[in-house]
Structure formats: C-alpha cells, structure tokens
Amino acid sequence: MLDICLLGTGGMMPLPYRWLTAMMARCEGSNLLIDCGEGTQIALKEKGWSPKPIDVICFTHYHADHISGLPGLLLTMGNAERTEPLVLIGPRGLERVVGNLRTIAPELPFELRFIELAEPREQVKIGPYVIDAFRVNHNVVCYGYSISIPRAGRFDVERAKERGVPMKAWSRLQKGETLEMDGVVYTPDMVLGPARRGLKVTYCTDTRPVPVIAEYAREADLFICEGMYGEEGKEAKAREYKHMTFYEAARLAKEAQPKCMWLTHYSPSLTRPEEFMDKVREIFPQAIAAKDGRTIEMDYSD
C-alpha cells in the first residue's frame, strides 16, 4: 500500500489557507518527502503525520518556496531523537545549498547523505521506492519525480517444484532474497512468476509542458502537476516565467492517461482554483483541483 498526501498546494508564498507545495509518500514504514517549503512542518502537524520516519527528501529545485522549510524540519527530526541517516536528493549543488541552510541548524544527531543529480534522467532505489528523476524546463535546473513501488510476481509452487527448490527456501525466496543451500544458489526468479503491476505517482512543478513529463506520467496511478494559472490571459506570463496553466497540465494528462491528476502549486492570486475546473475536465475528465491535505491510499489493483 502507498499513502500520498499533498501537504501544501501553494506557489511563491504561503497563504493563511494554503501552505507551500510539498508531498509526502508513506510505504512499508518508510516516508518520502518531495520539496519542503515554508509551512511544511505545520502541514504535517495538521495531517497528524510525524516527520521522524522520513527517510528520503527529494527537491525539484532550489527556489525558496521549495526548500526554505528544511532547516526547521531537520531540527524537529533531531529533537525527535532520530539517529538514522537521511538521504537528500536534488539537482547538482544540493550539498552546498543545504550546508548554507544549516547555518541555522548546525547540530543534528543523524547523518545527511547527498545524491546530486547531473544527468537528464536518473534512477535511485531506496527502501521500497524506485525514484526516477527527469529534468524539466524551468528558469533554473529543475527535476520532476516518478515514485514507483515495484511488485514481484506471484509465488508459483509448480515452478519451485520443477526447479527442485527445497521448501525451506520458499519463504525467503518469495521475499526477494537470494540464498545458498548445500552448495546450490537459489534466486527469486526460480519460484516467482512474471512481475505484476506496481504503483506509480508522478510529480512535477515549476516547468513548461515538455514531452518527458507525459512520458514519465504515462498510466500512473496519480499524476500531480503544477497548475500555476487558471485565469484567461495568463498564457504569456506562464511562458515568461516557465510555469504552466491548468489547461497545459490537462493536455499533458490527456496524453499520459494517468488514473487521476491533481493540480497544485497555485499562484497566490488564484484564490478559487475549482472555478476553472469545468474547462479543465473537458480536456482531462479525471482532473482535480487539489487542496492542502488531500490524501489517497493506493493499493494494488488486483
């Protein structure tokens, strides 16, 4: 199972009813956060989720509305007696940026491990997550992320028997272990059928619409996409500052065909995003103007 919460949906600056954009994923006791703008801690508190189990934080880019909440979050995690290492992922320069922010959070009881992205596409596997990072088109280097939970094939008793796998090895092989018994090496593929469809969430903000977004969002269970502007006449502004309108996001979703799309990262001037959704749904019917705290619990379709 994969839980997703859109902690904040605001862009540029927090509002009394809208925190800055951040998303939390929870799976198998491991938490993953994407972006950490001002107010992320409060949004977590309002949701009732703890920051202590966060194992990974992915940053799309280093504008303040996406990373300024990090020092306080790190201090809170330290005050919760966290000792496990924390992995930080983001564009090149991450360690330098975080080092500067830690001027006000210098002492932590846990290690920070940095993974800096340099290529247009990179993949990282941590805990239950397969994290695919892909570069998008903003006015600074910026990445989108697809977070996948792979799913192994079903245990096949007949396959195990045909290959002479001892029963005492079945359970561990089913869990993905490779082991040796009596001089013979046994691997999971000896007892498992073809891999089954897992779960996938694709997340991107602060970008113009580019084909790579639809590519990674293709048939996702959830596509969370920037919709900076919903009002008419904002297309030129979106192009100038390299953001997206609701309708550009909807056209990406139409191409990618995810099960659902949540819009996020609204302009502070956009007080009622839902007013524009009728036109958006003419392009992609499964579109939702997400609000802070929107949550979904995903399970495997079969």
C-alpha atoms as a PDB file:
ATOM      1  CA  MET A   1       0.000   0.000   0.000  1.00  0.00           C
ATOM      2  CA  LEU A   2       1.132   3.563  -0.765  1.00  0.00           C
ATOM      3  CA  ASP A   3      -0.272   6.641   1.012  1.00  0.00           C
ATOM      4  CA  ILE A   4       0.088  10.034  -0.659  1.00  0.00           C
ATOM      5  CA  CYS A   5      -0.649  13.386   0.972  1.00  0.00           C
ATOM      6  CA  LEU A   6      -0.308  16.723  -0.781  1.00  0.00           C
ATOM      7  CA  LEU A   7       0.726  18.738   2.265  1.00  0.00           C
ATOM      8  CA  GLY A   8       0.703  22.127   0.546  1.00  0.00           C
ATOM      9  CA  THR A   9      -0.519  23.415  -2.799  1.00  0.00           C
ATOM     10  CA  GLY A  10       0.791  26.982  -2.900  1.00  0.00           C
ATOM     11  CA  GLY A  11       3.436  28.558  -5.077  1.00  0.00           C
ATOM     12  CA  MET A  12       5.654  31.571  -4.365  1.00  0.00           C
ATOM     13  CA  MET A  13       4.396  32.365  -0.848  1.00  0.00           C
ATOM     14  CA  PRO A  14       2.274  30.675   1.826  1.00  0.00           C
ATOM     15  CA  LEU A  15      -1.244  31.913   2.495  1.00  0.00           C
ATOM     16  CA  PRO A  16      -3.435  31.535   5.606  1.00  0.00           C
ATOM     17  CA  TYR A  17      -5.326  28.707   3.885  1.00  0.00           C
ATOM     18  CA  ARG A  18      -2.569  27.290   1.663  1.00  0.00           C
ATOM     19  CA  TRP A  19       0.928  26.113   2.549  1.00  0.00           C
ATOM     20  CA  LEU A  20       3.734  25.893   0.034  1.00  0.00           C
ATOM     21  CA  THR A  21       3.999  22.847  -2.193  1.00  0.00           C
ATOM     22  CA  ALA A  22       5.156  19.617  -0.583  1.00  0.00           C
ATOM     23  CA  MET A  23       4.138  15.983  -0.967  1.00  0.00           C
ATOM     24  CA  MET A  24       4.580  13.049   1.399  1.00  0.00           C
ATOM     25  CA  ALA A  25       4.567   9.355   0.462  1.00  0.00           C
ATOM     26  CA  ARG A  26       4.364   6.535   3.041  1.00  0.00           C
ATOM     27  CA  CYS A  27       5.057   2.889   2.246  1.00  0.00           C
ATOM     28  CA  GLU A  28       6.124  -0.023   4.439  1.00  0.00           C
ATOM     29  CA  GLY A  29       7.030   2.255   7.336  1.00  0.00           C
ATOM     30  CA  SER A  30       9.244   4.473   5.182  1.00  0.00           C
ATOM     31  CA  ASN A  31       8.363   8.097   4.393  1.00  0.00           C
ATOM     32  CA  LEU A  32       9.456  10.103   1.364  1.00  0.00           C
ATOM     33  CA  LEU A  33       9.018  13.863   1.051  1.00  0.00           C
ATOM     34  CA  ILE A  34       9.162  15.888  -2.150  1.00  0.00           C
ATOM     35  CA  ASP A  35      10.035  19.557  -1.562  1.00  0.00           C
ATOM     36  CA  CYS A  36       9.951  21.318   1.794  1.00  0.00           C
ATOM     37  CA  GLY A  37       8.717  24.872   1.554  1.00  0.00           C
ATOM     38  CA  GLU A  38       7.814  27.173   4.415  1.00  0.00           C
ATOM     39  CA  GLY A  39       4.961  25.674   6.424  1.00  0.00           C
ATOM     40  CA  THR A  40       5.683  22.030   5.653  1.00  0.00           C
ATOM     41  CA  GLN A  41       6.077  21.212   9.347  1.00  0.00           C
ATOM     42  CA  ILE A  42       2.728  22.802  10.175  1.00  0.00           C
ATOM     43  CA  ALA A  43       1.060  20.922   7.326  1.00  0.00           C
ATOM     44  CA  LEU A  44       2.492  17.659   8.675  1.00  0.00           C
ATOM     45  CA  LYS A  45       1.216  18.512  12.144  1.00  0.00           C
ATOM     46  CA  GLU A  46      -2.242  19.294  10.777  1.00  0.00           C
ATOM     47  CA  LYS A  47      -2.248  15.964   8.959  1.00  0.00           C
ATOM     48  CA  GLY A  48      -1.172  14.089  12.081  1.00  0.00           C
ATOM     49  CA  TRP A  49       1.898  12.600  10.407  1.00  0.00           C
ATOM     50  CA  SER A  50       5.332  12.608  12.035  1.00  0.00           C
ATOM     51  CA  PRO A  51       8.500  13.887  10.341  1.00  0.00           C
ATOM     52  CA  LYS A  52      10.680  11.408  12.251  1.00  0.00           C
ATOM     53  CA  PRO A  53      10.219   8.434   9.834  1.00  0.00           C
ATOM     54  CA  ILE A  54      11.205  10.475   6.757  1.00  0.00           C
ATOM     55  CA  ASP A  55      13.978   8.512   5.036  1.00  0.00           C
ATOM     56  CA  VAL A  56      14.251  10.483   1.783  1.00  0.00           C
ATOM     57  CA  ILE A  57      13.668  14.100   0.762  1.00  0.00           C
ATOM     58  CA  CYS A  58      13.657  14.896  -2.969  1.00  0.00           C
ATOM     59  CA  PHE A  59      13.981  18.503  -4.131  1.00  0.00           C
ATOM     60  CA  THR A  60      12.729  19.640  -7.508  1.00  0.00           C
ATOM     61  CA  HIS A  61      14.901  22.780  -7.416  1.00  0.00           C
ATOM     62  CA  TYR A  62      16.282  25.380  -5.023  1.00  0.00           C
ATOM     63  CA  HIS A  63      13.843  28.266  -5.142  1.00  0.00           C
ATOM     64  CA  ALA A  64      12.890  29.276  -1.606  1.00  0.00           C
ATOM     65  CA  ASP A  65       9.271  28.149  -1.824  1.00  0.00           C
ATOM     66  CA  HIS A  66      10.523  24.579  -2.324  1.00  0.00           C
ATOM     67  CA  ILE A  67      13.318  24.301   0.251  1.00  0.00           C
ATOM     68  CA  SER A  68      13.081  27.084   2.862  1.00  0.00           C
ATOM     69  CA  GLY A  69      11.299  24.830   5.359  1.00  0.00           C
ATOM     70  CA  LEU A  70      14.196  22.376   5.519  1.00  0.00           C
ATOM     71  CA  PRO A  71      16.271  23.766   8.435  1.00  0.00           C
ATOM     72  CA  GLY A  72      13.324  23.697  10.820  1.00  0.00           C
ATOM     73  CA  LEU A  73      12.276  20.247   9.684  1.00  0.00           C
ATOM     74  CA  LEU A  74      15.790  18.890  10.285  1.00  0.00           C
ATOM     75  CA  LEU A  75      15.833  20.371  13.776  1.00  0.00           C
ATOM     76  CA  THR A  76      12.438  18.857  14.569  1.00  0.00           C
ATOM     77  CA  MET A  77      13.613  15.447  13.345  1.00  0.00           C
ATOM     78  CA  GLY A  78      16.697  15.777  15.558  1.00  0.00           C
ATOM     79  CA  ASN A  79      14.615  16.792  18.563  1.00  0.00           C
ATOM     80  CA  ALA A  80      12.520  13.649  17.994  1.00  0.00           C
ATOM     81  CA  GLU A  81      15.718  11.654  18.695  1.00  0.00           C
ATOM     82  CA  ARG A  82      16.175  10.475  15.170  1.00  0.00           C
ATOM     83  CA  THR A  83      19.547   8.792  14.620  1.00  0.00           C
ATOM     84  CA  GLU A  84      19.093   7.053  11.239  1.00  0.00           C
ATOM     85  CA  PRO A  85      20.733   8.657   8.189  1.00  0.00           C
ATOM     86  CA  LEU A  86      18.582  10.889   5.981  1.00  0.00           C
ATOM     87  CA  VAL A  87      19.002  10.796   2.182  1.00  0.00           C
ATOM     88  CA  LEU A  88      18.618  14.083   0.289  1.00  0.00           C
ATOM     89  CA  ILE A  89      18.192  14.039  -3.499  1.00  0.00           C
ATOM     90  CA  GLY A  90      18.244  17.042  -5.804  1.00  0.00           C
ATOM     91  CA  PRO A  91      19.990  18.863  -8.657  1.00  0.00           C
ATOM     92  CA  ARG A  92      23.716  19.457  -8.592  1.00  0.00           C
ATOM     93  CA  GLY A  93      24.695  21.850  -5.798  1.00  0.00           C
ATOM     94  CA  LEU A  94      22.465  20.201  -3.192  1.00  0.00           C
ATOM     95  CA  GLU A  95      25.178  19.723  -0.559  1.00  0.00           C
ATOM     96  CA  ARG A  96      26.275  23.347  -0.891  1.00  0.00           C
ATOM     97  CA  VAL A  97      22.706  24.686  -0.639  1.00  0.00           C
ATOM     98  CA  VAL A  98      21.849  22.521   2.368  1.00  0.00           C
ATOM     99  CA  GLY A  99      25.162  23.389   4.001  1.00  0.00           C
ATOM    100  CA  ASN A 100      24.282  27.077   3.768  1.00  0.00           C
ATOM    101  CA  LEU A 101      20.800  26.498   5.179  1.00  0.00           C
ATOM    102  CA  ARG A 102      22.302  24.529   8.069  1.00  0.00           C
ATOM    103  CA  THR A 103      23.953  27.688   9.371  1.00  0.00           C
ATOM    104  CA  ILE A 104      20.769  27.929  11.465  1.00  0.00           C
ATOM    105  CA  ALA A 105      20.548  24.159  12.055  1.00  0.00           C
ATOM    106  CA  PRO A 106      24.180  23.199  12.699  1.00  0.00           C
ATOM    107  CA  GLU A 107      23.875  20.279  15.106  1.00  0.00           C
ATOM    108  CA  LEU A 108      21.996  17.149  14.095  1.00  0.00           C
ATOM    109  CA  PRO A 109      22.135  13.685  15.706  1.00  0.00           C
ATOM    110  CA  PHE A 110      21.889  11.961  12.335  1.00  0.00           C
ATOM    111  CA  GLU A 111      23.913  11.843   9.119  1.00  0.00           C
ATOM    112  CA  LEU A 112      22.850  13.573   5.909  1.00  0.00           C
ATOM    113  CA  ARG A 113      23.635  11.665   2.704  1.00  0.00           C
ATOM    114  CA  PHE A 114      23.517  13.576  -0.568  1.00  0.00           C
ATOM    115  CA  ILE A 115      22.638  12.331  -4.046  1.00  0.00           C
ATOM    116  CA  GLU A 116      23.175  15.092  -6.592  1.00  0.00           C
ATOM    117  CA  LEU A 117      21.501  14.740  -9.977  1.00  0.00           C
ATOM    118  CA  ALA A 118      23.553  15.683 -13.023  1.00  0.00           C
ATOM    119  CA  GLU A 119      22.020  13.721 -15.905  1.00  0.00           C
ATOM    120  CA  PRO A 120      18.706  14.446 -17.678  1.00  0.00           C
ATOM    121  CA  ARG A 121      17.346  11.154 -16.326  1.00  0.00           C
ATOM    122  CA  GLU A 122      18.488   9.256 -13.247  1.00  0.00           C
ATOM    123  CA  GLN A 123      17.128   6.409 -11.141  1.00  0.00           C
ATOM    124  CA  VAL A 124      17.675   5.795  -7.430  1.00  0.00           C
ATOM    125  CA  LYS A 125      16.402   2.835  -5.396  1.00  0.00           C
ATOM    126  CA  ILE A 126      15.903   3.405  -1.658  1.00  0.00           C
ATOM    127  CA  GLY A 127      13.840   1.187   0.623  1.00  0.00           C
ATOM    128  CA  PRO A 128      10.555   0.321  -1.076  1.00  0.00           C
ATOM    129  CA  TYR A 129      10.882   3.200  -3.583  1.00  0.00           C
ATOM    130  CA  VAL A 130      12.193   3.344  -7.128  1.00  0.00           C
ATOM    131  CA  ILE A 131      12.771   7.065  -7.721  1.00  0.00           C
ATOM    132  CA  ASP A 132      13.017   8.220 -11.340  1.00  0.00           C
ATOM    133  CA  ALA A 133      14.201  11.819 -11.693  1.00  0.00           C
ATOM    134  CA  PHE A 134      13.750  13.630 -15.008  1.00  0.00           C
ATOM    135  CA  ARG A 135      14.835  17.146 -15.920  1.00  0.00           C
ATOM    136  CA  VAL A 136      12.091  19.601 -16.858  1.00  0.00           C
ATOM    137  CA  ASN A 137      12.096  23.170 -18.211  1.00  0.00           C
ATOM    138  CA  HIS A 138      12.192  25.940 -15.585  1.00  0.00           C
ATOM    139  CA  ASN A 139      14.389  29.041 -15.339  1.00  0.00           C
ATOM    140  CA  VAL A 140      16.782  27.111 -13.076  1.00  0.00           C
ATOM    141  CA  VAL A 141      17.708  23.416 -13.186  1.00  0.00           C
ATOM    142  CA  CYS A 142      14.601  21.540 -12.061  1.00  0.00           C
ATOM    143  CA  TYR A 143      13.529  17.888 -11.912  1.00  0.00           C
ATOM    144  CA  GLY A 144      10.265  16.010 -11.787  1.00  0.00           C
ATOM    145  CA  TYR A 145       9.983  12.681  -9.993  1.00  0.00           C
ATOM    146  CA  SER A 146       8.182   9.404 -10.543  1.00  0.00           C
ATOM    147  CA  ILE A 147       7.914   7.338  -7.380  1.00  0.00           C
ATOM    148  CA  SER A 148       7.232   3.652  -8.057  1.00  0.00           C
ATOM    149  CA  ILE A 149       6.598   0.674  -5.817  1.00  0.00           C
ATOM    150  CA  PRO A 150       7.539  -2.461  -7.802  1.00  0.00           C
ATOM    151  CA  ARG A 151       5.637  -5.685  -7.260  1.00  0.00           C
ATOM    152  CA  ALA A 152       7.106  -9.128  -7.654  1.00  0.00           C
ATOM    153  CA  GLY A 153       5.307 -11.944  -9.430  1.00  0.00           C
ATOM    154  CA  ARG A 154       3.108 -14.469  -7.657  1.00  0.00           C
ATOM    155  CA  PHE A 155       4.691 -17.426  -5.916  1.00  0.00           C
ATOM    156  CA  ASP A 156       4.492 -20.412  -8.285  1.00  0.00           C
ATOM    157  CA  VAL A 157       4.506 -23.742  -6.430  1.00  0.00           C
ATOM    158  CA  GLU A 158       4.815 -25.817  -9.587  1.00  0.00           C
ATOM    159  CA  ARG A 159       7.717 -23.702 -10.821  1.00  0.00           C
ATOM    160  CA  ALA A 160       9.504 -24.175  -7.488  1.00  0.00           C
ATOM    161  CA  LYS A 161       8.992 -27.938  -7.559  1.00  0.00           C
ATOM    162  CA  GLU A 162      10.109 -28.274 -11.188  1.00  0.00           C
ATOM    163  CA  ARG A 163      13.351 -26.484 -10.350  1.00  0.00           C
ATOM    164  CA  GLY A 164      13.960 -28.579  -7.270  1.00  0.00           C
ATOM    165  CA  VAL A 165      13.866 -25.696  -4.829  1.00  0.00           C
ATOM    166  CA  PRO A 166      13.658 -27.036  -1.236  1.00  0.00           C
ATOM    167  CA  MET A 167      10.533 -25.960   0.645  1.00  0.00           C
ATOM    168  CA  LYS A 168      12.567 -24.453   3.476  1.00  0.00           C
ATOM    169  CA  ALA A 169      13.841 -21.846   0.987  1.00  0.00           C
ATOM    170  CA  TRP A 170      10.459 -20.850  -0.439  1.00  0.00           C
ATOM    171  CA  SER A 171       9.547 -18.140   2.075  1.00  0.00           C
ATOM    172  CA  ARG A 172      12.846 -16.287   1.827  1.00  0.00           C
ATOM    173  CA  LEU A 173      12.909 -16.504  -1.961  1.00  0.00           C
ATOM    174  CA  GLN A 174       9.364 -15.150  -2.085  1.00  0.00           C
ATOM    175  CA  LYS A 175      10.615 -12.123  -0.118  1.00  0.00           C
ATOM    176  CA  GLY A 176      13.255 -11.465  -2.776  1.00  0.00           C
ATOM    177  CA  GLU A 177      16.288 -13.000  -1.089  1.00  0.00           C
ATOM    178  CA  THR A 178      18.976 -14.969  -2.905  1.00  0.00           C
ATOM    179  CA  LEU A 179      20.433 -17.791  -0.828  1.00  0.00           C
ATOM    180  CA  GLU A 180      22.741 -20.781  -0.963  1.00  0.00           C
ATOM    181  CA  MET A 181      21.890 -24.211   0.433  1.00  0.00           C
ATOM    182  CA  ASP A 182      24.061 -27.305   0.188  1.00  0.00           C
ATOM    183  CA  GLY A 183      26.274 -25.631  -2.386  1.00  0.00           C
ATOM    184  CA  VAL A 184      23.353 -24.609  -4.657  1.00  0.00           C
ATOM    185  CA  VAL A 185      22.388 -20.938  -5.214  1.00  0.00           C
ATOM    186  CA  TYR A 186      18.656 -20.238  -5.350  1.00  0.00           C
ATOM    187  CA  THR A 187      17.212 -16.992  -6.732  1.00  0.00           C
ATOM    188  CA  PRO A 188      13.700 -15.474  -6.503  1.00  0.00           C
ATOM    189  CA  ASP A 189      13.027 -15.960 -10.225  1.00  0.00           C
ATOM    190  CA  MET A 190      13.113 -19.724  -9.615  1.00  0.00           C
ATOM    191  CA  VAL A 191       9.861 -19.530  -7.609  1.00  0.00           C
ATOM    192  CA  LEU A 192       8.122 -16.369  -8.842  1.00  0.00           C
ATOM    193  CA  GLY A 193       6.043 -15.699 -11.927  1.00  0.00           C
ATOM    194  CA  PRO A 194       6.274 -12.529 -14.055  1.00  0.00           C
ATOM    195  CA  ALA A 195       6.388  -9.195 -12.215  1.00  0.00           C
ATOM    196  CA  ARG A 196       2.971  -7.670 -11.609  1.00  0.00           C
ATOM    197  CA  ARG A 197       1.894  -4.054 -11.998  1.00  0.00           C
ATOM    198  CA  GLY A 198       3.011  -1.999  -9.026  1.00  0.00           C
ATOM    199  CA  LEU A 199       2.103   1.567  -8.048  1.00  0.00           C
ATOM    200  CA  LYS A 200       3.352   4.842  -9.537  1.00  0.00           C
ATOM    201  CA  VAL A 201       2.989   8.517  -8.673  1.00  0.00           C
ATOM    202  CA  THR A 202       4.479  11.218 -10.907  1.00  0.00           C
ATOM    203  CA  TYR A 203       5.097  14.691  -9.505  1.00  0.00           C
ATOM    204  CA  CYS A 204       6.269  17.849 -11.265  1.00  0.00           C
ATOM    205  CA  THR A 205       6.123  21.582 -10.593  1.00  0.00           C
ATOM    206  CA  ASP A 206       7.761  24.741 -11.926  1.00  0.00           C
ATOM    207  CA  THR A 207       8.101  23.859 -15.578  1.00  0.00           C
ATOM    208  CA  ARG A 208       6.788  24.441 -19.034  1.00  0.00           C
ATOM    209  CA  PRO A 209       4.964  21.460 -20.552  1.00  0.00           C
ATOM    210  CA  VAL A 210       7.608  19.195 -22.077  1.00  0.00           C
ATOM    211  CA  PRO A 211       7.189  15.682 -23.554  1.00  0.00           C
ATOM    212  CA  VAL A 212       9.275  13.982 -20.859  1.00  0.00           C
ATOM    213  CA  ILE A 213       6.584  14.766 -18.276  1.00  0.00           C
ATOM    214  CA  ALA A 214       3.902  12.863 -20.157  1.00  0.00           C
ATOM    215  CA  GLU A 215       6.385  10.060 -20.759  1.00  0.00           C
ATOM    216  CA  TYR A 216       7.006   9.510 -17.046  1.00  0.00           C
ATOM    217  CA  ALA A 217       3.367  10.101 -16.091  1.00  0.00           C
ATOM    218  CA  ARG A 218       2.106   7.547 -18.602  1.00  0.00           C
ATOM    219  CA  GLU A 219      -0.535   5.343 -16.985  1.00  0.00           C
ATOM    220  CA  ALA A 220       0.487   6.492 -13.498  1.00  0.00           C
ATOM    221  CA  ASP A 221      -1.899   5.835 -10.653  1.00  0.00           C
ATOM    222  CA  LEU A 222      -1.630   9.523  -9.797  1.00  0.00           C
ATOM    223  CA  PHE A 223      -0.161  12.490 -11.662  1.00  0.00           C
ATOM    224  CA  ILE A 224       0.464  15.582  -9.501  1.00  0.00           C
ATOM    225  CA  CYS A 225       1.181  18.531 -11.755  1.00  0.00           C
ATOM    226  CA  GLU A 226       1.721  22.239 -11.460  1.00  0.00           C
ATOM    227  CA  GLY A 227      -1.190  24.457 -12.409  1.00  0.00           C
ATOM    228  CA  MET A 228       0.091  27.948 -11.684  1.00  0.00           C
ATOM    229  CA  TYR A 229      -2.625  29.807 -13.558  1.00  0.00           C
ATOM    230  CA  GLY A 230      -6.265  29.074 -14.299  1.00  0.00           C
ATOM    231  CA  GLU A 231      -7.412  32.517 -15.403  1.00  0.00           C
ATOM    232  CA  GLU A 232      -7.661  33.509 -19.048  1.00  0.00           C
ATOM    233  CA  GLY A 233      -4.888  35.679 -20.427  1.00  0.00           C
ATOM    234  CA  LYS A 234      -2.118  34.152 -18.287  1.00  0.00           C
ATOM    235  CA  GLU A 235      -0.503  32.134 -21.067  1.00  0.00           C
ATOM    236  CA  ALA A 236       2.188  34.719 -21.823  1.00  0.00           C
ATOM    237  CA  LYS A 237       3.081  35.048 -18.148  1.00  0.00           C
ATOM    238  CA  ALA A 238       3.344  31.268 -17.851  1.00  0.00           C
ATOM    239  CA  ARG A 239       5.730  31.176 -20.802  1.00  0.00           C
ATOM    240  CA  GLU A 240       7.815  34.080 -19.474  1.00  0.00           C
ATOM    241  CA  TYR A 241       8.339  32.602 -16.005  1.00  0.00           C
ATOM    242  CA  LYS A 242       8.351  28.984 -17.189  1.00  0.00           C
ATOM    243  CA  HIS A 243       5.281  27.750 -15.385  1.00  0.00           C
ATOM    244  CA  MET A 244       2.116  26.009 -16.579  1.00  0.00           C
ATOM    245  CA  THR A 245      -1.545  26.852 -16.905  1.00  0.00           C
ATOM    246  CA  PHE A 246      -4.277  24.450 -15.824  1.00  0.00           C
ATOM    247  CA  TYR A 247      -5.007  23.680 -19.443  1.00  0.00           C
ATOM    248  CA  GLU A 248      -1.417  22.860 -20.381  1.00  0.00           C
ATOM    249  CA  ALA A 249      -1.273  20.460 -17.432  1.00  0.00           C
ATOM    250  CA  ALA A 250      -4.554  18.879 -18.551  1.00  0.00           C
ATOM    251  CA  ARG A 251      -3.205  18.319 -22.058  1.00  0.00           C
ATOM    252  CA  LEU A 252      -0.176  16.522 -20.598  1.00  0.00           C
ATOM    253  CA  ALA A 253      -2.544  14.324 -18.606  1.00  0.00           C
ATOM    254  CA  LYS A 254      -4.634  13.635 -21.692  1.00  0.00           C
ATOM    255  CA  GLU A 255      -1.507  12.371 -23.427  1.00  0.00           C
ATOM    256  CA  ALA A 256      -0.217  10.375 -20.444  1.00  0.00           C
ATOM    257  CA  GLN A 257      -3.583   8.901 -19.358  1.00  0.00           C
ATOM    258  CA  PRO A 258      -2.951   8.530 -15.607  1.00  0.00           C
ATOM    259  CA  LYS A 259      -5.824   7.303 -13.484  1.00  0.00           C
ATOM    260  CA  CYS A 260      -6.122  10.757 -11.917  1.00  0.00           C
ATOM    261  CA  MET A 261      -4.444  14.173 -11.996  1.00  0.00           C
ATOM    262  CA  TRP A 262      -4.173  16.589  -9.054  1.00  0.00           C
ATOM    263  CA  LEU A 263      -3.310  20.193  -9.809  1.00  0.00           C
ATOM    264  CA  THR A 264      -1.033  22.030  -7.363  1.00  0.00           C
ATOM    265  CA  HIS A 265       1.402  24.968  -6.989  1.00  0.00           C
ATOM    266  CA  TYR A 266      -1.203  27.683  -7.477  1.00  0.00           C
ATOM    267  CA  SER A 267      -0.373  31.356  -7.878  1.00  0.00           C
ATOM    268  CA  PRO A 268      -1.205  33.411  -4.751  1.00  0.00           C
ATOM    269  CA  SER A 269      -3.648  35.390  -6.907  1.00  0.00           C
ATOM    270  CA  LEU A 270      -5.586  32.193  -7.683  1.00  0.00           C
ATOM    271  CA  THR A 271      -7.938  32.035  -4.707  1.00  0.00           C
ATOM    272  CA  ARG A 272     -10.562  29.600  -6.074  1.00  0.00           C
ATOM    273  CA  PRO A 273      -8.947  27.061  -8.416  1.00  0.00           C
ATOM    274  CA  GLU A 274     -12.120  24.949  -8.586  1.00  0.00           C
ATOM    275  CA  GLU A 275     -13.865  27.721 -10.558  1.00  0.00           C
ATOM    276  CA  PHE A 276     -11.798  26.792 -13.622  1.00  0.00           C
ATOM    277  CA  MET A 277     -12.155  23.032 -13.453  1.00  0.00           C
ATOM    278  CA  ASP A 278     -15.092  22.604 -15.833  1.00  0.00           C
ATOM    279  CA  LYS A 279     -12.899  23.670 -18.760  1.00  0.00           C
ATOM    280  CA  VAL A 280     -10.008  21.594 -17.453  1.00  0.00           C
ATOM    281  CA  ARG A 281     -12.182  18.467 -17.296  1.00  0.00           C
ATOM    282  CA  GLU A 282     -13.240  18.993 -20.893  1.00  0.00           C
ATOM    283  CA  ILE A 283      -9.601  18.168 -21.680  1.00  0.00           C
ATOM    284  CA  PHE A 284      -8.974  15.552 -18.978  1.00  0.00           C
ATOM    285  CA  PRO A 285     -12.078  14.409 -17.041  1.00  0.00           C
ATOM    286  CA  GLN A 286     -10.137  12.890 -14.104  1.00  0.00           C
ATOM    287  CA  ALA A 287      -8.582  16.220 -13.081  1.00  0.00           C
ATOM    288  CA  ILE A 288      -8.941  17.585  -9.535  1.00  0.00           C
ATOM    289  CA  ALA A 289      -8.027  20.994  -8.133  1.00  0.00           C
ATOM    290  CA  ALA A 290      -6.269  19.664  -5.046  1.00  0.00           C
ATOM    291  CA  LYS A 291      -6.385  21.414  -1.703  1.00  0.00           C
ATOM    292  CA  ASP A 292      -3.904  21.182   1.156  1.00  0.00           C
ATOM    293  CA  GLY A 293      -4.068  17.842   2.935  1.00  0.00           C
ATOM    294  CA  ARG A 294      -5.622  15.915   0.074  1.00  0.00           C
ATOM    295  CA  THR A 295      -4.768  12.245   0.633  1.00  0.00           C
ATOM    296  CA  ILE A 296      -5.157   8.982  -1.220  1.00  0.00           C
ATOM    297  CA  GLU A 297      -4.467   5.420  -0.098  1.00  0.00           C
ATOM    298  CA  MET A 298      -3.369   3.274  -3.022  1.00  0.00           C
ATOM    299  CA  ASP A 299      -3.436  -0.489  -3.150  1.00  0.00           C
ATOM    300  CA  TYR A 300      -2.629  -2.936  -5.919  1.00  0.00           C
ATOM    301  CA  SER A 301      -5.410  -3.188  -8.468  1.00  0.00           C
ATOM    302  CA  ASP A 302      -5.589  -6.993  -8.246  1.00  0.00           C
END
